[in-house]
Protein backbone atom coordinates (compact mmCIF):
# COMPACT_ATOMS: atom_id res chain seq x y z
CA MET A 1 180.50 121.06 12.18
CA SER A 2 180.04 121.08 15.94
CA VAL A 3 180.69 124.18 17.94
CA LYS A 4 181.78 123.65 21.50
CA ARG A 5 180.09 125.92 23.97
CA ALA A 6 182.65 127.88 25.93
CA ARG A 7 182.13 127.74 29.66
CA SER A 8 182.01 131.04 31.45
CA ARG A 9 185.08 131.81 33.50
CA VAL A 10 183.23 134.39 35.57
CA PRO A 11 182.80 133.13 39.12
CA LEU A 12 179.19 133.26 40.27
CA PRO A 13 178.33 134.06 43.89
CA ARG A 14 176.88 131.41 46.15
CA GLY A 15 173.12 131.35 45.94
CA TRP A 16 173.07 133.27 42.67
CA ARG A 17 169.84 131.57 41.65
CA GLY A 18 168.12 133.07 44.68
CA TYR A 19 169.46 136.49 43.74
CA LEU A 20 168.18 135.99 40.20
CA LYS A 21 164.70 135.06 41.45
CA SER A 22 164.66 138.07 43.78
CA ALA A 23 165.83 140.41 41.01
CA THR A 24 163.14 139.07 38.67
CA LEU A 25 160.40 139.67 41.24
CA HIS A 26 161.71 143.17 41.96
CA ALA A 27 161.79 144.00 38.24
CA LEU A 28 158.21 142.75 37.82
CA SER A 29 157.08 144.81 40.81
CA LEU A 30 158.71 147.92 39.39
CA ALA A 31 157.12 147.29 35.99
CA ARG A 32 153.72 146.83 37.67
CA PHE A 33 154.15 150.13 39.53
CA SER A 34 155.01 151.88 36.27
CA VAL A 35 151.98 150.44 34.50
CA LEU A 36 149.66 151.40 37.36
CA HIS A 37 151.05 154.93 37.32
CA ALA A 38 150.40 155.17 33.57
CA TYR A 39 146.87 153.81 34.06
CA GLY A 40 146.27 156.43 36.74
CA ILE A 41 147.34 159.23 34.43
CA ALA A 42 145.21 157.87 31.57
CA ALA A 43 142.20 157.28 33.83
CA ASN A 44 142.15 161.00 34.73
CA HIS A 45 142.81 162.22 31.18
CA ALA A 46 140.59 164.94 29.74
CA GLN A 47 139.73 162.92 26.62
CA ARG A 48 137.13 160.22 27.12
CA ARG A 49 138.76 158.03 24.45
CA VAL A 50 142.00 157.88 26.44
CA ARG A 51 140.14 157.01 29.65
CA LEU A 52 138.22 154.22 27.91
CA ALA A 53 141.37 152.84 26.27
CA ALA A 54 143.07 152.72 29.68
CA GLN A 55 140.08 150.92 31.16
CA VAL A 56 140.04 148.38 28.30
CA GLU A 57 143.77 147.72 28.73
CA ARG A 58 143.38 147.30 32.50
CA LEU A 59 140.55 144.82 32.00
CA ARG A 60 142.60 142.88 29.43
CA GLU A 61 145.44 142.66 31.93
CA ASP A 62 143.05 141.46 34.63
CA CYS A 63 141.75 138.75 32.29
CA ALA A 64 145.29 137.65 31.43
CA GLN A 65 146.19 137.41 35.11
CA LEU A 66 143.05 135.40 35.87
CA ARG A 67 143.81 133.03 32.99
CA GLU A 68 147.31 132.50 34.37
CA GLU A 69 145.94 131.82 37.86
CA ILE A 70 143.50 129.28 36.43
CA ARG A 71 146.29 127.65 34.39
CA ILE A 72 148.41 127.26 37.53
CA LYS A 73 145.45 125.88 39.53
CA ASP A 74 144.51 123.45 36.78
CA ALA A 75 148.11 122.23 36.47
CA ARG A 76 148.24 121.59 40.22
CA MET A 77 144.88 119.81 40.28
CA GLY A 78 145.95 117.74 37.28
CA ARG A 79 148.78 116.29 39.37
CA ILE A 80 146.42 115.23 42.18
CA LEU A 81 144.61 111.93 41.80
CA PRO A 82 140.86 112.45 41.30
CA GLN A 83 140.11 110.54 44.54
CA ARG A 84 142.36 112.90 46.54
CA ARG A 85 141.11 116.21 45.12
CA PRO A 86 139.16 118.50 47.48
CA HIS A 87 135.40 118.17 47.43
CA TYR A 88 133.16 121.15 46.75
CA SER A 89 130.25 122.13 48.96
CA PRO A 90 126.74 122.00 47.43
CA HIS A 91 126.74 125.81 47.06
CA GLU A 92 130.09 125.71 45.24
CA ARG A 93 128.88 122.92 42.96
CA MET A 94 125.79 124.96 42.06
CA ALA A 95 127.96 128.01 41.35
CA ILE A 96 130.17 125.87 39.08
CA LEU A 97 127.14 124.56 37.19
CA GLU A 98 125.74 128.09 36.83
CA LEU A 99 129.05 129.37 35.43
CA ARG A 100 129.27 126.43 33.06
CA ALA A 101 125.73 126.99 31.80
CA ALA A 102 126.29 130.76 31.42
CA ARG A 103 129.51 130.32 29.46
CA GLY A 104 128.14 127.59 27.23
């Protein structure tokens, strides 16, 4: 049995997608502010366990953000032909090899 999807009769404003993107970014900024405030309170807590837990959580968040940045960069580089990708300087190549060797 097929169920037809009812179309919304609510008129949407012009450029509503832009408003949605802006609202999303504002909500994320507000959430970030709230998290940083909570980290600040926990970082100055009297109990060492609470301070360490806040530090661990902050570091986990940093790692997650770095992974997302790398994922975005890798996706972009994957769309560029290998011949057209930017070349690394000798110092950058050595740094890449050092990181690769250190991480196994």
